[in-house]
Amino acid sequence: MAPGQKPVATTNEVIESAVIKAPLSHVWHFIKLPEFAKFSTAIQKAETVKGVSDETDIVKWTFKDGNTIEVKQDEHSNLDHFITFSVINAEPELTYSSVVSTIRCWAVTSGEFEDSTFVRWTSKFSSDADISVIEDAKYKRRDALRDLAVAAAKMVKEHK
């Protein structure tokens, strides 16, 4: 950074949300780490990593560009409809120390979007994540939410 130049102030949190025109049960069906490849067009495959932890689930996501990440499930609630997970390994290595994400779903019970699902995806990055990481994450989550809407809509059609 040049002398006298101030760094760009950034937030280290990304929050993206969407109203998905499908019932909560159809959307929630996909919100399990091994199921992400069933809706995300960026993920080629998701496989459970065996022998790493007896206490929690770890899943390896292989992306279509060949990159991989291993995610650890930190929390999962079928009652409150949320999942929290963190990246524990990545190839190639990430340019930041950590990220913890939570996806939470709510049924929309009245109004114009009745029988839809409100989905919020929050990701909190370590302080060493720069603005390019935050912006990239924002658009990747938007793409994933769009993919989730398509997969849930397909499920709605199949169940009619």
C-alpha atoms as a PDB file:
ATOM      1  CA  MET A   1       0.000   0.000   0.000  1.00  0.00           C
ATOM      2  CA  ALA A   2       1.320   3.418  -0.911  1.00  0.00           C
ATOM      3  CA  PRO A   3       2.283   5.799   1.910  1.00  0.00           C
ATOM      4  CA  GLY A   4      -0.714   7.813   3.071  1.00  0.00           C
ATOM      5  CA  GLN A   5      -3.156   5.492   1.312  1.00  0.00           C
ATOM      6  CA  LYS A   6      -5.915   4.066   3.502  1.00  0.00           C
ATOM      7  CA  PRO A   7      -6.945   0.421   3.175  1.00  0.00           C
ATOM      8  CA  VAL A   8     -10.407  -0.291   1.818  1.00  0.00           C
ATOM      9  CA  ALA A   9     -12.763  -0.929   4.728  1.00  0.00           C
ATOM     10  CA  THR A  10     -14.630  -4.189   4.340  1.00  0.00           C
ATOM     11  CA  THR A  11     -16.994  -6.331   6.278  1.00  0.00           C
ATOM     12  CA  ASN A  12     -16.000  -9.927   6.747  1.00  0.00           C
ATOM     13  CA  GLU A  13     -19.536 -11.225   6.582  1.00  0.00           C
ATOM     14  CA  VAL A  14     -21.659 -12.120   3.595  1.00  0.00           C
ATOM     15  CA  ILE A  15     -25.428 -12.378   3.991  1.00  0.00           C
ATOM     16  CA  GLU A  16     -27.515 -13.487   1.036  1.00  0.00           C
ATOM     17  CA  SER A  17     -31.169 -14.471   1.051  1.00  0.00           C
ATOM     18  CA  ALA A  18     -33.936 -15.591  -1.263  1.00  0.00           C
ATOM     19  CA  VAL A  19     -37.582 -16.504  -1.283  1.00  0.00           C
ATOM     20  CA  ILE A  20     -37.831 -19.906  -2.914  1.00  0.00           C
ATOM     21  CA  LYS A  21     -41.214 -20.787  -4.357  1.00  0.00           C
ATOM     22  CA  ALA A  22     -41.388 -24.227  -2.806  1.00  0.00           C
ATOM     23  CA  PRO A  23     -42.559 -25.511   0.580  1.00  0.00           C
ATOM     24  CA  LEU A  24     -40.028 -25.723   3.401  1.00  0.00           C
ATOM     25  CA  SER A  25     -39.996 -29.538   3.263  1.00  0.00           C
ATOM     26  CA  HIS A  26     -38.821 -29.459  -0.366  1.00  0.00           C
ATOM     27  CA  VAL A  27     -36.084 -26.904   0.281  1.00  0.00           C
ATOM     28  CA  TRP A  28     -34.918 -28.420   3.572  1.00  0.00           C
ATOM     29  CA  HIS A  29     -34.464 -31.770   1.814  1.00  0.00           C
ATOM     30  CA  PHE A  30     -31.323 -30.346   0.136  1.00  0.00           C
ATOM     31  CA  ILE A  31     -29.783 -28.598   3.176  1.00  0.00           C
ATOM     32  CA  LYS A  32     -27.469 -31.389   4.273  1.00  0.00           C
ATOM     33  CA  LEU A  33     -23.766 -31.289   3.421  1.00  0.00           C
ATOM     34  CA  PRO A  34     -23.765 -34.490   1.304  1.00  0.00           C
ATOM     35  CA  GLU A  35     -26.814 -33.213  -0.627  1.00  0.00           C
ATOM     36  CA  PHE A  36     -25.319 -29.925  -1.877  1.00  0.00           C
ATOM     37  CA  ALA A  37     -24.156 -31.553  -5.120  1.00  0.00           C
ATOM     38  CA  LYS A  38     -27.813 -32.371  -5.861  1.00  0.00           C
ATOM     39  CA  PHE A  39     -28.666 -28.702  -6.245  1.00  0.00           C
ATOM     40  CA  SER A  40     -25.449 -26.711  -6.741  1.00  0.00           C
ATOM     41  CA  THR A  41     -24.337 -26.588 -10.355  1.00  0.00           C
ATOM     42  CA  ALA A  42     -20.818 -25.639  -9.161  1.00  0.00           C
ATOM     43  CA  ILE A  43     -20.301 -28.867  -7.197  1.00  0.00           C
ATOM     44  CA  GLN A  44     -19.473 -31.983  -9.196  1.00  0.00           C
ATOM     45  CA  LYS A  45     -19.695 -34.397  -6.263  1.00  0.00           C
ATOM     46  CA  ALA A  46     -20.053 -34.535  -2.500  1.00  0.00           C
ATOM     47  CA  GLU A  47     -18.658 -37.421  -0.520  1.00  0.00           C
ATOM     48  CA  THR A  48     -18.507 -38.172   3.179  1.00  0.00           C
ATOM     49  CA  VAL A  49     -14.946 -38.292   4.494  1.00  0.00           C
ATOM     50  CA  LYS A  50     -14.553 -41.411   6.639  1.00  0.00           C
ATOM     51  CA  GLY A  51     -12.250 -41.832   9.628  1.00  0.00           C
ATOM     52  CA  VAL A  52     -11.597 -38.147  10.300  1.00  0.00           C
ATOM     53  CA  SER A  53     -14.007 -37.527  13.155  1.00  0.00           C
ATOM     54  CA  ASP A  54     -16.271 -39.682  15.287  1.00  0.00           C
ATOM     55  CA  GLU A  55     -18.055 -36.583  16.570  1.00  0.00           C
ATOM     56  CA  THR A  56     -19.201 -34.758  13.451  1.00  0.00           C
ATOM     57  CA  ASP A  57     -19.785 -35.154   9.730  1.00  0.00           C
ATOM     58  CA  ILE A  58     -17.104 -34.069   7.299  1.00  0.00           C
ATOM     59  CA  VAL A  59     -17.899 -33.860   3.605  1.00  0.00           C
ATOM     60  CA  LYS A  60     -15.575 -33.233   0.673  1.00  0.00           C
ATOM     61  CA  TRP A  61     -16.996 -31.112  -2.125  1.00  0.00           C
ATOM     62  CA  THR A  62     -15.305 -31.423  -5.505  1.00  0.00           C
ATOM     63  CA  PHE A  63     -16.106 -28.469  -7.715  1.00  0.00           C
ATOM     64  CA  LYS A  64     -16.379 -28.613 -11.485  1.00  0.00           C
ATOM     65  CA  ASP A  65     -13.173 -26.553 -11.769  1.00  0.00           C
ATOM     66  CA  GLY A  66     -11.287 -29.336  -9.900  1.00  0.00           C
ATOM     67  CA  ASN A  67     -10.918 -27.438  -6.602  1.00  0.00           C
ATOM     68  CA  THR A  68     -11.962 -29.245  -3.440  1.00  0.00           C
ATOM     69  CA  ILE A  69     -12.964 -28.229   0.060  1.00  0.00           C
ATOM     70  CA  GLU A  70     -13.711 -30.288   3.126  1.00  0.00           C
ATOM     71  CA  VAL A  71     -16.500 -28.915   5.257  1.00  0.00           C
ATOM     72  CA  LYS A  72     -17.240 -29.857   8.849  1.00  0.00           C
ATOM     73  CA  GLN A  73     -20.795 -29.807  10.115  1.00  0.00           C
ATOM     74  CA  ASP A  74     -20.814 -27.703  13.282  1.00  0.00           C
ATOM     75  CA  GLU A  75     -24.585 -27.671  13.887  1.00  0.00           C
ATOM     76  CA  HIS A  76     -27.687 -29.072  12.250  1.00  0.00           C
ATOM     77  CA  SER A  77     -31.257 -28.684  13.440  1.00  0.00           C
ATOM     78  CA  ASN A  78     -34.270 -30.338  11.873  1.00  0.00           C
ATOM     79  CA  LEU A  79     -36.432 -28.471  14.403  1.00  0.00           C
ATOM     80  CA  ASP A  80     -35.164 -24.952  13.688  1.00  0.00           C
ATOM     81  CA  HIS A  81     -34.149 -25.698  10.077  1.00  0.00           C
ATOM     82  CA  PHE A  82     -30.554 -24.546  10.013  1.00  0.00           C
ATOM     83  CA  ILE A  83     -27.112 -25.926   9.350  1.00  0.00           C
ATOM     84  CA  THR A  84     -23.764 -24.404  10.315  1.00  0.00           C
ATOM     85  CA  PHE A  85     -20.554 -25.623   8.728  1.00  0.00           C
ATOM     86  CA  SER A  86     -16.930 -24.569   8.394  1.00  0.00           C
ATOM     87  CA  VAL A  87     -14.203 -25.171   5.850  1.00  0.00           C
ATOM     88  CA  ILE A  88     -11.411 -27.256   7.378  1.00  0.00           C
ATOM     89  CA  ASN A  89      -9.326 -28.030   4.290  1.00  0.00           C
ATOM     90  CA  ALA A  90      -9.062 -26.792   0.723  1.00  0.00           C
ATOM     91  CA  GLU A  91      -7.084 -27.610  -2.427  1.00  0.00           C
ATOM     92  CA  PRO A  92      -5.767 -25.250  -3.558  1.00  0.00           C
ATOM     93  CA  GLU A  93      -5.235 -23.636  -0.184  1.00  0.00           C
ATOM     94  CA  LEU A  94      -7.501 -20.711   0.680  1.00  0.00           C
ATOM     95  CA  THR A  95      -6.111 -17.185   0.902  1.00  0.00           C
ATOM     96  CA  TYR A  96      -7.775 -16.645   4.309  1.00  0.00           C
ATOM     97  CA  SER A  97      -7.748 -18.513   7.607  1.00  0.00           C
ATOM     98  CA  SER A  98     -11.381 -19.541   8.091  1.00  0.00           C
ATOM     99  CA  VAL A  99     -15.037 -19.221   7.174  1.00  0.00           C
ATOM    100  CA  VAL A 100     -18.126 -20.386   9.053  1.00  0.00           C
ATOM    101  CA  SER A 101     -21.450 -20.479   7.221  1.00  0.00           C
ATOM    102  CA  THR A 102     -25.036 -20.891   8.361  1.00  0.00           C
ATOM    103  CA  ILE A 103     -28.015 -21.607   6.143  1.00  0.00           C
ATOM    104  CA  ARG A 104     -31.368 -21.079   7.833  1.00  0.00           C
ATOM    105  CA  CYS A 105     -34.803 -21.729   6.336  1.00  0.00           C
ATOM    106  CA  TRP A 106     -38.235 -20.445   7.348  1.00  0.00           C
ATOM    107  CA  ALA A 107     -41.639 -21.382   5.986  1.00  0.00           C
ATOM    108  CA  VAL A 108     -43.562 -18.432   4.564  1.00  0.00           C
ATOM    109  CA  THR A 109     -47.037 -18.990   5.959  1.00  0.00           C
ATOM    110  CA  SER A 110     -49.121 -16.138   4.557  1.00  0.00           C
ATOM    111  CA  GLY A 111     -49.259 -13.398   1.985  1.00  0.00           C
ATOM    112  CA  GLU A 112     -48.092 -13.293  -1.598  1.00  0.00           C
ATOM    113  CA  PHE A 113     -45.379 -15.926  -1.026  1.00  0.00           C
ATOM    114  CA  GLU A 114     -47.414 -18.359   1.095  1.00  0.00           C
ATOM    115  CA  ASP A 115     -46.101 -21.957   0.800  1.00  0.00           C
ATOM    116  CA  SER A 116     -42.658 -20.624  -0.119  1.00  0.00           C
ATOM    117  CA  THR A 117     -39.426 -20.768   1.882  1.00  0.00           C
ATOM    118  CA  PHE A 118     -37.271 -17.869   2.993  1.00  0.00           C
ATOM    119  CA  VAL A 119     -33.593 -18.910   2.976  1.00  0.00           C
ATOM    120  CA  ARG A 120     -30.754 -16.900   4.502  1.00  0.00           C
ATOM    121  CA  TRP A 121     -27.101 -17.869   3.982  1.00  0.00           C
ATOM    122  CA  THR A 122     -24.618 -16.134   6.268  1.00  0.00           C
ATOM    123  CA  SER A 123     -20.844 -16.590   6.015  1.00  0.00           C
ATOM    124  CA  LYS A 124     -18.399 -15.104   8.497  1.00  0.00           C
ATOM    125  CA  PHE A 125     -14.804 -14.891   7.281  1.00  0.00           C
ATOM    126  CA  SER A 126     -11.612 -14.441   9.271  1.00  0.00           C
ATOM    127  CA  SER A 127     -10.159 -10.935   9.295  1.00  0.00           C
ATOM    128  CA  ASP A 128      -7.512 -11.843   6.710  1.00  0.00           C
ATOM    129  CA  ALA A 129     -10.139 -12.302   3.959  1.00  0.00           C
ATOM    130  CA  ASP A 130      -9.881  -9.400   1.523  1.00  0.00           C
ATOM    131  CA  ILE A 131     -12.592  -7.664  -0.481  1.00  0.00           C
ATOM    132  CA  SER A 132     -12.153 -10.002  -3.471  1.00  0.00           C
ATOM    133  CA  VAL A 133     -12.945 -13.018  -1.237  1.00  0.00           C
ATOM    134  CA  ILE A 134     -16.050 -11.301   0.140  1.00  0.00           C
ATOM    135  CA  GLU A 135     -17.320 -10.286  -3.299  1.00  0.00           C
ATOM    136  CA  ASP A 136     -16.643 -13.749  -4.740  1.00  0.00           C
ATOM    137  CA  ALA A 137     -18.525 -15.346  -1.844  1.00  0.00           C
ATOM    138  CA  LYS A 138     -21.482 -13.023  -2.350  1.00  0.00           C
ATOM    139  CA  TYR A 139     -21.948 -14.074  -5.969  1.00  0.00           C
ATOM    140  CA  LYS A 140     -21.297 -17.772  -5.304  1.00  0.00           C
ATOM    141  CA  ARG A 141     -24.011 -17.796  -2.632  1.00  0.00           C
ATOM    142  CA  ARG A 142     -26.421 -16.017  -4.943  1.00  0.00           C
ATOM    143  CA  ASP A 143     -25.728 -18.630  -7.622  1.00  0.00           C
ATOM    144  CA  ALA A 144     -26.217 -21.459  -5.118  1.00  0.00           C
ATOM    145  CA  LEU A 145     -29.523 -19.999  -3.899  1.00  0.00           C
ATOM    146  CA  ARG A 146     -30.681 -19.731  -7.506  1.00  0.00           C
ATOM    147  CA  ASP A 147     -29.673 -23.382  -8.056  1.00  0.00           C
ATOM    148  CA  LEU A 148     -31.530 -24.367  -4.878  1.00  0.00           C
ATOM    149  CA  ALA A 149     -34.672 -22.657  -6.179  1.00  0.00           C
ATOM    150  CA  VAL A 150     -34.449 -24.607  -9.441  1.00  0.00           C
ATOM    151  CA  ALA A 151     -33.947 -27.943  -7.649  1.00  0.00           C
ATOM    152  CA  ALA A 152     -36.803 -27.268  -5.220  1.00  0.00           C
ATOM    153  CA  ALA A 153     -39.133 -26.230  -8.062  1.00  0.00           C
ATOM    154  CA  LYS A 154     -38.307 -29.476  -9.857  1.00  0.00           C
ATOM    155  CA  MET A 155     -39.187 -31.397  -6.695  1.00  0.00           C
ATOM    156  CA  VAL A 156     -42.515 -29.542  -6.460  1.00  0.00           C
ATOM    157  CA  LYS A 157     -43.373 -30.595 -10.042  1.00  0.00           C
ATOM    158  CA  GLU A 158     -42.418 -34.218  -9.317  1.00  0.00           C
ATOM    159  CA  HIS A 159     -44.725 -34.314  -6.277  1.00  0.00           C
ATOM    160  CA  LYS A 160     -47.828 -32.961  -8.038  1.00  0.00           C
END
